[in-house]
Amino acid sequence: MNYATLKTELLCLGAKAKTKRHLRKTGAGPAGGSYFVLPNRSLVQIPVVGHFVQNSPFSIIEDSDVLYLFKNSGKVCEIQGVPTPQFYGMNTSDGIPMWKIALIHGVDCLATTVDQTCIHWRHNLQCDFCGIELSLKHHSTITRKSPEKLIEVIQAARAENRANHITLTIGTQAGEDRGANILSETTRRIKEEIDIPIHAQAEPADEIYLGKLKDSGVDTLGIHIETTAPDIFKKVCPGKAMLDFEYYEKIWGHAVDIFGKNQVSSFVIVGLGESDESILNGAKWMASIGVIPFVVPLRPIPETPLENAIPPSPERMIYLYEEVGKILKENNLNPNKNKAGCVRCKGCSSVDEFVIGY
């Protein structure tokens, strides 16, 4: 069985499932899914909610505490569900449910949005696929996570071996640092108490702020352009598009110089209306600078402008992953050497599955 193909099919099509697992329904990135492990130990976040899932040929059926994946009426394989962490049932010292502070992504990545507000939402310029402030609307998180609260949650998660690396994201903030200062201070406080690899994600900011992130203890950095088609960028990400591609290129270059090879990445979403050519040209552009293009299929999130969009076909994603795998190899980039965050977790993308030769 080709598990790279199977994982990609599941990312694009999802699976019908009756699950009591904790779902991340909204947020700034891929949501509406649960994490499962395939027989080859590959992790995949399978969409289980959303209109498109109802047309999926896949289903997950539990029989005597064993999970089976079916395609149409045929059994494909046994899969393992990633257990819900015990700390989700705990509160911080001031009574806030810990799952409102941070969630487990994958098996052992603790992730949080340090500040859940975004300046682009204030001006109705938010990205069409993003649900970051919907989490506040539905009371599934709190606005600001203090370092002290995060340290409590990290310690609880580590006590059950569920936090071996951390992802810190942030809604874009006002000011030229765009949120880097908050991420730097949060990272510094965490690293004073806990030795753990940390991945940070933020809009591009000038070199001085990249240096602050590195000095605070950030190990890997995500600067996400989302799409490399200029017309789609302006349409789908009107706030982010106020920074042009040349600025992204400049800041990516500084980031690679500061954080090192294989430690800088950018999400590239497939399914926003772009061409395959723009995806592959963008991947070549990023890789030539030293940035890992973390290619993911669109995940339509309810209550966003793209809630009724259809994710790309598995066939399209497999072709793109094969080509991006070649691009990474040609530029001597290896996602498996990334220290923390989404690229290390791998649950939402098959990009690492198609890098041959390492």
Protein backbone atom coordinates (compact mmCIF):
# COMPACT_ATOMS: atom_id res chain seq x y z
CA MET A 1 0.00 0.00 0.00
CA ASN A 2 1.23 3.49 -0.84
CA TYR A 3 0.70 5.36 2.42
CA ALA A 4 1.86 8.69 0.98
CA THR A 5 -1.01 8.47 -1.48
CA LEU A 6 -3.46 7.34 1.21
CA LYS A 7 -2.48 10.19 3.52
CA THR A 8 -2.92 12.72 0.72
CA GLU A 9 -6.35 11.31 -0.16
CA LEU A 10 -7.43 11.64 3.47
CA LEU A 11 -6.14 15.23 3.72
CA CYS A 12 -8.15 16.21 0.64
CA LEU A 13 -11.32 14.15 1.06
CA GLY A 14 -11.64 13.68 4.81
CA ALA A 15 -13.60 10.80 6.29
CA LYS A 16 -17.06 10.34 7.71
CA ALA A 17 -16.68 9.47 11.36
CA LYS A 18 -18.62 9.45 14.59
CA THR A 19 -16.03 10.68 17.03
CA LYS A 20 -15.99 12.06 20.54
CA ARG A 21 -12.43 13.24 20.05
CA HIS A 22 -11.55 16.84 20.81
CA LEU A 23 -11.82 18.82 17.57
CA ARG A 24 -10.15 22.11 16.75
CA LYS A 25 -13.12 23.53 14.87
CA THR A 26 -11.82 27.02 14.11
CA GLY A 27 -8.55 28.93 14.29
CA ALA A 28 -5.92 30.33 11.95
CA GLY A 29 -4.85 27.08 10.29
CA PRO A 30 -6.19 23.66 9.27
CA ALA A 31 -9.15 22.83 11.49
CA GLY A 32 -12.12 20.50 11.67
CA GLY A 33 -10.12 17.32 11.93
CA SER A 34 -8.78 14.68 14.28
CA TYR A 35 -5.34 13.12 14.33
CA PHE A 36 -4.78 9.50 13.38
CA VAL A 37 -1.74 7.32 12.80
CA LEU A 38 -1.55 5.07 9.74
CA PRO A 39 0.07 1.60 9.85
CA ASN A 40 3.39 3.01 8.56
CA ARG A 41 3.42 5.40 11.57
CA SER A 42 2.55 8.37 9.36
CA LEU A 43 0.50 11.01 11.16
CA VAL A 44 -2.49 12.59 9.43
CA GLN A 45 -5.07 15.12 10.54
CA ILE A 46 -8.19 13.77 8.84
CA PRO A 47 -11.02 16.27 8.25
CA VAL A 48 -14.19 14.88 9.87
CA VAL A 49 -16.41 17.98 9.74
CA GLY A 50 -17.30 20.28 6.87
CA HIS A 51 -19.67 19.96 3.94
CA PHE A 52 -17.10 18.29 1.65
CA VAL A 53 -16.56 15.41 4.08
CA GLN A 54 -20.08 14.14 3.42
CA ASN A 55 -19.02 13.20 -0.12
CA SER A 56 -15.89 11.37 0.97
CA PRO A 57 -15.55 7.68 0.06
CA PHE A 58 -13.71 7.17 3.35
CA SER A 59 -15.25 6.34 6.69
CA ILE A 60 -13.84 5.50 10.10
CA ILE A 61 -15.61 2.77 12.01
CA GLU A 62 -14.89 1.63 15.55
CA ASP A 63 -15.30 -2.05 16.39
CA SER A 64 -14.41 -3.36 19.85
CA ASP A 65 -12.19 -0.32 20.53
CA VAL A 66 -10.31 -0.83 17.23
CA LEU A 67 -10.54 1.83 14.50
CA TYR A 68 -10.81 0.75 10.88
CA LEU A 69 -10.56 2.91 7.79
CA PHE A 70 -12.94 2.00 4.98
CA LYS A 71 -13.03 3.28 1.40
CA ASN A 72 -16.51 2.82 0.00
CA SER A 73 -17.42 -0.63 1.32
CA GLY A 74 -13.91 -2.05 1.46
CA LYS A 75 -11.71 -2.14 4.53
CA VAL A 76 -8.44 -0.30 3.89
CA CYS A 77 -6.52 -0.75 7.12
CA GLU A 78 -6.55 -0.41 10.87
CA ILE A 79 -5.64 3.05 12.14
CA GLN A 80 -4.87 4.45 15.56
CA GLY A 81 -6.51 7.48 17.05
CA VAL A 82 -4.27 9.94 18.87
CA PRO A 83 -5.50 9.93 22.49
CA THR A 84 -7.10 13.02 23.97
CA PRO A 85 -4.63 14.48 26.49
CA GLN A 86 -5.49 14.15 30.16
CA PHE A 87 -4.64 17.80 30.84
CA TYR A 88 -7.67 18.85 28.76
CA GLY A 89 -9.66 17.98 31.87
CA MET A 90 -7.54 20.23 34.09
CA ASN A 91 -7.65 23.95 34.92
CA THR A 92 -4.90 26.49 35.39
CA SER A 93 -4.27 27.89 38.88
CA ASP A 94 -6.74 30.70 38.15
CA GLY A 95 -9.47 28.33 36.96
CA ILE A 96 -9.20 28.48 33.17
CA PRO A 97 -9.61 25.15 31.33
CA MET A 98 -6.17 24.22 30.02
CA TRP A 99 -7.55 23.29 26.58
CA LYS A 100 -8.50 26.96 26.17
CA ILE A 101 -4.83 27.89 26.61
CA ALA A 102 -3.13 25.39 24.29
CA LEU A 103 -3.95 22.25 22.31
CA ILE A 104 -2.01 19.22 21.20
CA HIS A 105 -1.38 19.13 17.47
CA GLY A 106 -0.36 15.72 16.24
CA VAL A 107 1.10 13.49 18.92
CA ASP A 108 3.42 15.75 20.90
CA CYS A 109 3.28 19.34 19.61
CA LEU A 110 1.66 21.80 22.01
CA ALA A 111 0.24 24.73 20.04
CA THR A 112 -1.34 28.05 20.96
CA THR A 113 -2.21 31.41 19.48
CA VAL A 114 -0.65 33.75 22.02
CA ASP A 115 -2.93 36.64 21.07
CA GLN A 116 -6.16 35.61 19.32
CA THR A 117 -6.87 39.06 17.82
CA CYS A 118 -5.76 40.17 14.37
CA ILE A 119 -5.49 43.73 13.12
CA HIS A 120 -6.72 42.65 9.69
CA TRP A 121 -10.04 41.58 11.26
CA ARG A 122 -10.36 45.08 12.74
CA HIS A 123 -10.31 46.52 9.21
CA ASN A 124 -12.27 43.73 7.48
CA LEU A 125 -9.12 42.65 5.64
CA GLN A 126 -8.73 39.18 7.11
CA CYS A 127 -7.71 36.17 5.02
CA ASP A 128 -10.73 34.43 3.50
CA PHE A 129 -9.76 30.99 4.86
CA CYS A 130 -8.90 32.10 8.40
CA GLY A 131 -11.04 31.52 11.48
CA ILE A 132 -8.72 32.97 14.13
CA GLU A 133 -11.28 35.25 15.79
CA LEU A 134 -14.10 32.74 15.43
CA SER A 135 -12.44 30.89 18.28
CA LEU A 136 -13.20 33.89 20.49
CA LYS A 137 -16.75 34.13 19.18
CA HIS A 138 -17.40 30.52 20.16
CA HIS A 139 -15.62 30.86 23.53
CA SER A 140 -13.18 28.06 22.72
CA THR A 141 -10.18 30.08 23.84
CA ILE A 142 -9.18 33.29 25.60
CA THR A 143 -7.81 36.42 23.98
CA ARG A 144 -4.32 36.52 25.48
CA LYS A 145 -2.33 33.63 26.90
CA SER A 146 0.18 34.85 29.45
CA PRO A 147 3.55 33.11 29.71
CA GLU A 148 2.63 32.01 33.23
CA LYS A 149 -0.52 30.23 32.05
CA LEU A 150 1.34 28.65 29.15
CA ILE A 151 4.09 27.37 31.45
CA GLU A 152 1.46 25.68 33.62
CA VAL A 153 -0.05 23.96 30.59
CA ILE A 154 3.33 22.97 29.16
CA GLN A 155 4.33 21.38 32.44
CA ALA A 156 1.03 19.47 32.60
CA ALA A 157 1.42 18.29 29.01
CA ARG A 158 5.02 17.23 29.54
CA ALA A 159 4.01 15.24 32.61
CA GLU A 160 2.12 12.91 30.23
CA ASN A 161 4.77 13.14 27.46
CA ARG A 162 2.54 15.18 25.15
CA ALA A 163 4.73 18.26 24.65
CA ASN A 164 8.09 17.64 23.01
CA HIS A 165 7.96 20.81 20.93
CA ILE A 166 5.80 23.94 20.85
CA THR A 167 4.13 26.10 18.21
CA LEU A 168 3.42 29.74 19.09
CA THR A 169 1.28 31.67 16.62
CA ILE A 170 -0.24 35.10 16.84
CA GLY A 171 -2.81 37.23 15.05
CA THR A 172 -1.16 40.12 13.24
CA GLN A 173 -0.68 43.00 15.67
CA ALA A 174 -0.50 46.74 15.08
CA GLY A 175 3.01 48.12 14.96
CA GLU A 176 6.03 47.39 12.82
CA ASP A 177 6.93 44.23 14.75
CA ARG A 178 3.50 42.72 13.78
CA GLY A 179 3.49 40.56 16.91
CA ALA A 180 7.13 39.48 17.06
CA ASN A 181 7.71 41.30 20.34
CA ILE A 182 4.90 39.40 22.10
CA LEU A 183 6.23 36.10 20.72
CA SER A 184 9.76 36.98 21.83
CA GLU A 185 8.72 37.80 25.39
CA THR A 186 6.55 34.69 25.64
CA THR A 187 9.36 32.47 24.32
CA ARG A 188 11.92 34.01 26.66
CA ARG A 189 9.77 33.33 29.72
CA ILE A 190 9.02 29.76 28.66
CA LYS A 191 12.69 28.99 27.99
CA GLU A 192 13.64 30.38 31.41
CA GLU A 193 11.56 27.59 32.94
CA ILE A 194 11.52 24.78 30.36
CA ASP A 195 14.05 23.53 27.83
CA ILE A 196 11.90 22.75 24.80
CA PRO A 197 12.12 23.47 21.04
CA ILE A 198 9.83 26.32 19.99
CA HIS A 199 8.40 27.23 16.60
CA ALA A 200 6.98 30.72 16.09
CA GLN A 201 4.72 31.99 13.31
CA ALA A 202 4.20 35.64 12.43
CA GLU A 203 3.91 38.03 9.51
CA PRO A 204 7.26 39.19 8.14
CA ALA A 205 8.95 41.88 10.22
CA ASP A 206 12.28 43.63 9.82
CA GLU A 207 15.55 41.94 10.69
CA ILE A 208 15.79 43.46 14.17
CA TYR A 209 12.64 41.63 15.22
CA LEU A 210 13.84 38.36 13.71
CA GLY A 211 16.95 38.74 15.84
CA LYS A 212 14.81 39.28 18.94
CA LEU A 213 12.91 36.08 18.19
CA LYS A 214 16.13 34.12 17.82
CA ASP A 215 17.70 35.64 20.95
CA SER A 216 14.58 34.82 22.98
CA GLY A 217 14.95 31.12 22.14
CA VAL A 218 12.77 30.57 19.06
CA ASP A 219 14.22 27.58 17.18
CA THR A 220 12.22 27.60 13.93
CA LEU A 221 10.18 30.28 12.20
CA GLY A 222 7.13 30.26 9.95
CA ILE A 223 6.55 33.31 7.75
CA HIS A 224 3.49 32.33 5.75
CA ILE A 225 2.73 33.84 2.37
CA GLU A 226 -0.21 31.40 1.90
CA THR A 227 -0.24 31.65 -1.92
CA THR A 228 2.37 32.55 -4.51
CA ALA A 229 -0.15 33.74 -7.11
CA PRO A 230 -0.09 37.56 -6.85
CA ASP A 231 -3.70 38.06 -7.98
CA ILE A 232 -4.99 35.41 -5.56
CA PHE A 233 -2.87 36.88 -2.76
CA LYS A 234 -4.52 40.29 -3.13
CA LYS A 235 -7.99 38.79 -3.36
CA VAL A 236 -7.84 36.17 -0.59
CA CYS A 237 -5.35 37.83 1.80
CA PRO A 238 -6.05 41.57 1.40
CA GLY A 239 -4.44 42.51 4.71
CA LYS A 240 -1.31 40.45 4.28
CA ALA A 241 -1.03 41.62 0.65
CA MET A 242 -0.20 45.12 1.88
CA LEU A 243 3.31 43.65 2.15
CA ASP A 244 4.53 42.79 -1.34
CA PHE A 245 6.34 39.65 -2.48
CA GLU A 246 9.67 41.46 -2.59
CA TYR A 247 9.40 42.17 1.13
CA TYR A 248 8.63 38.53 1.86
CA GLU A 249 11.70 37.51 -0.14
CA LYS A 250 13.90 39.96 1.75
CA ILE A 251 12.66 38.84 5.18
CA TRP A 252 12.82 35.13 4.28
CA GLY A 253 16.47 35.64 3.36
CA HIS A 254 17.23 37.32 6.69
CA ALA A 255 15.32 34.59 8.54
CA VAL A 256 17.31 31.79 6.89
CA ASP A 257 20.56 33.59 7.75
CA ILE A 258 19.45 33.88 11.39
CA PHE A 259 17.68 30.56 12.02
CA GLY A 260 19.63 28.32 9.68
CA LYS A 261 18.98 25.74 7.02
CA ASN A 262 15.72 23.74 7.23
CA GLN A 263 14.39 25.95 10.02
CA VAL A 264 12.31 28.52 8.09
CA SER A 265 9.04 27.59 6.41
CA SER A 266 5.96 29.05 4.75
CA PHE A 267 2.48 27.60 4.36
CA VAL A 268 1.36 27.33 0.73
CA ILE A 269 -2.37 26.59 0.43
CA VAL A 270 -3.60 24.72 -2.63
CA GLY A 271 -7.20 25.32 -3.69
CA LEU A 272 -7.56 29.11 -3.61
CA GLY A 273 -7.91 29.44 -7.38
CA GLU A 274 -4.21 29.37 -8.27
CA SER A 275 -2.54 27.38 -11.05
CA ASP A 276 -0.16 24.48 -10.56
CA GLU A 277 2.48 26.59 -12.30
CA SER A 278 2.20 29.32 -9.66
CA ILE A 279 2.53 26.73 -6.87
CA LEU A 280 5.64 25.15 -8.36
CA ASN A 281 7.27 28.44 -9.34
CA GLY A 282 6.61 29.65 -5.81
CA ALA A 283 8.11 26.48 -4.32
CA LYS A 284 11.23 26.96 -6.45
CA TRP A 285 11.42 30.60 -5.35
CA MET A 286 11.16 29.73 -1.66
CA ALA A 287 13.52 26.77 -1.82
CA SER A 288 16.15 28.84 -3.65
CA ILE A 289 16.18 31.18 -0.64
CA GLY A 290 16.29 28.25 1.80
CA VAL A 291 12.63 28.31 2.87
CA ILE A 292 10.63 25.06 3.10
CA PRO A 293 7.30 25.39 1.21
CA PHE A 294 4.86 23.62 3.53
CA VAL A 295 2.21 22.73 0.98
CA VAL A 296 -1.28 21.95 2.30
CA PRO A 297 -4.70 21.45 0.71
CA LEU A 298 -7.31 24.09 1.52
CA ARG A 299 -9.31 23.24 4.63
CA PRO A 300 -12.67 25.08 4.38
CA ILE A 301 -13.65 26.39 7.82
CA PRO A 302 -17.32 27.05 8.61
CA GLU A 303 -18.29 30.75 8.95
CA THR A 304 -15.42 31.93 6.75
CA PRO A 305 -15.84 33.25 3.18
CA LEU A 306 -14.41 29.96 1.87
CA GLU A 307 -16.59 27.67 3.97
CA ASN A 308 -18.23 26.17 0.87
CA ALA A 309 -15.04 25.83 -1.16
CA ILE A 310 -13.95 22.39 -2.37
CA PRO A 311 -10.44 21.20 -1.43
CA PRO A 312 -8.14 20.21 -4.30
CA SER A 313 -8.30 16.68 -5.64
CA PRO A 314 -5.90 14.04 -4.30
CA GLU A 315 -4.55 13.59 -7.83
CA ARG A 316 -3.61 17.26 -8.03
CA MET A 317 -2.01 17.23 -4.59
CA ILE A 318 -0.01 14.07 -5.33
CA TYR A 319 1.37 15.65 -8.50
CA LEU A 320 2.29 18.83 -6.63
CA TYR A 321 3.86 16.93 -3.74
CA GLU A 322 5.96 14.87 -6.14
CA GLU A 323 7.21 18.01 -7.85
CA VAL A 324 7.80 19.92 -4.60
CA GLY A 325 9.69 16.90 -3.26
CA LYS A 326 12.05 17.15 -6.23
CA ILE A 327 12.46 20.89 -5.67
CA LEU A 328 13.36 20.38 -2.02
CA LYS A 329 15.90 17.68 -2.92
CA GLU A 330 17.44 19.85 -5.64
CA ASN A 331 17.91 22.65 -3.10
CA ASN A 332 19.23 20.28 -0.41
CA LEU A 333 16.34 21.01 1.95
CA ASN A 334 15.04 18.28 4.24
CA PRO A 335 11.79 18.84 6.21
CA ASN A 336 12.71 15.95 8.50
CA LYS A 337 15.52 18.08 9.96
CA ASN A 338 13.15 20.81 11.14
CA LYS A 339 13.31 21.17 14.93
CA ALA A 340 9.80 22.26 15.92
CA GLY A 341 6.31 23.15 14.79
CA CYS A 342 4.18 22.28 11.78
CA VAL A 343 6.97 20.93 9.59
CA ARG A 344 8.09 18.60 12.37
CA CYS A 345 4.51 17.58 13.25
CA LYS A 346 3.64 16.71 9.58
CA GLY A 347 -0.02 15.99 10.30
CA CYS A 348 -1.51 18.52 7.86
CA SER A 349 0.81 17.98 4.87
CA SER A 350 2.34 15.13 2.90
CA VAL A 351 5.29 17.21 1.69
CA ASP A 352 7.87 15.18 3.63
CA GLU A 353 6.46 11.90 2.27
CA PHE A 354 7.55 12.82 -1.23
CA VAL A 355 11.13 13.95 -0.53
CA ILE A 356 13.09 11.00 -1.85
CA GLY A 357 16.74 10.31 -1.20
CA TYR A 358 17.34 11.39 2.41
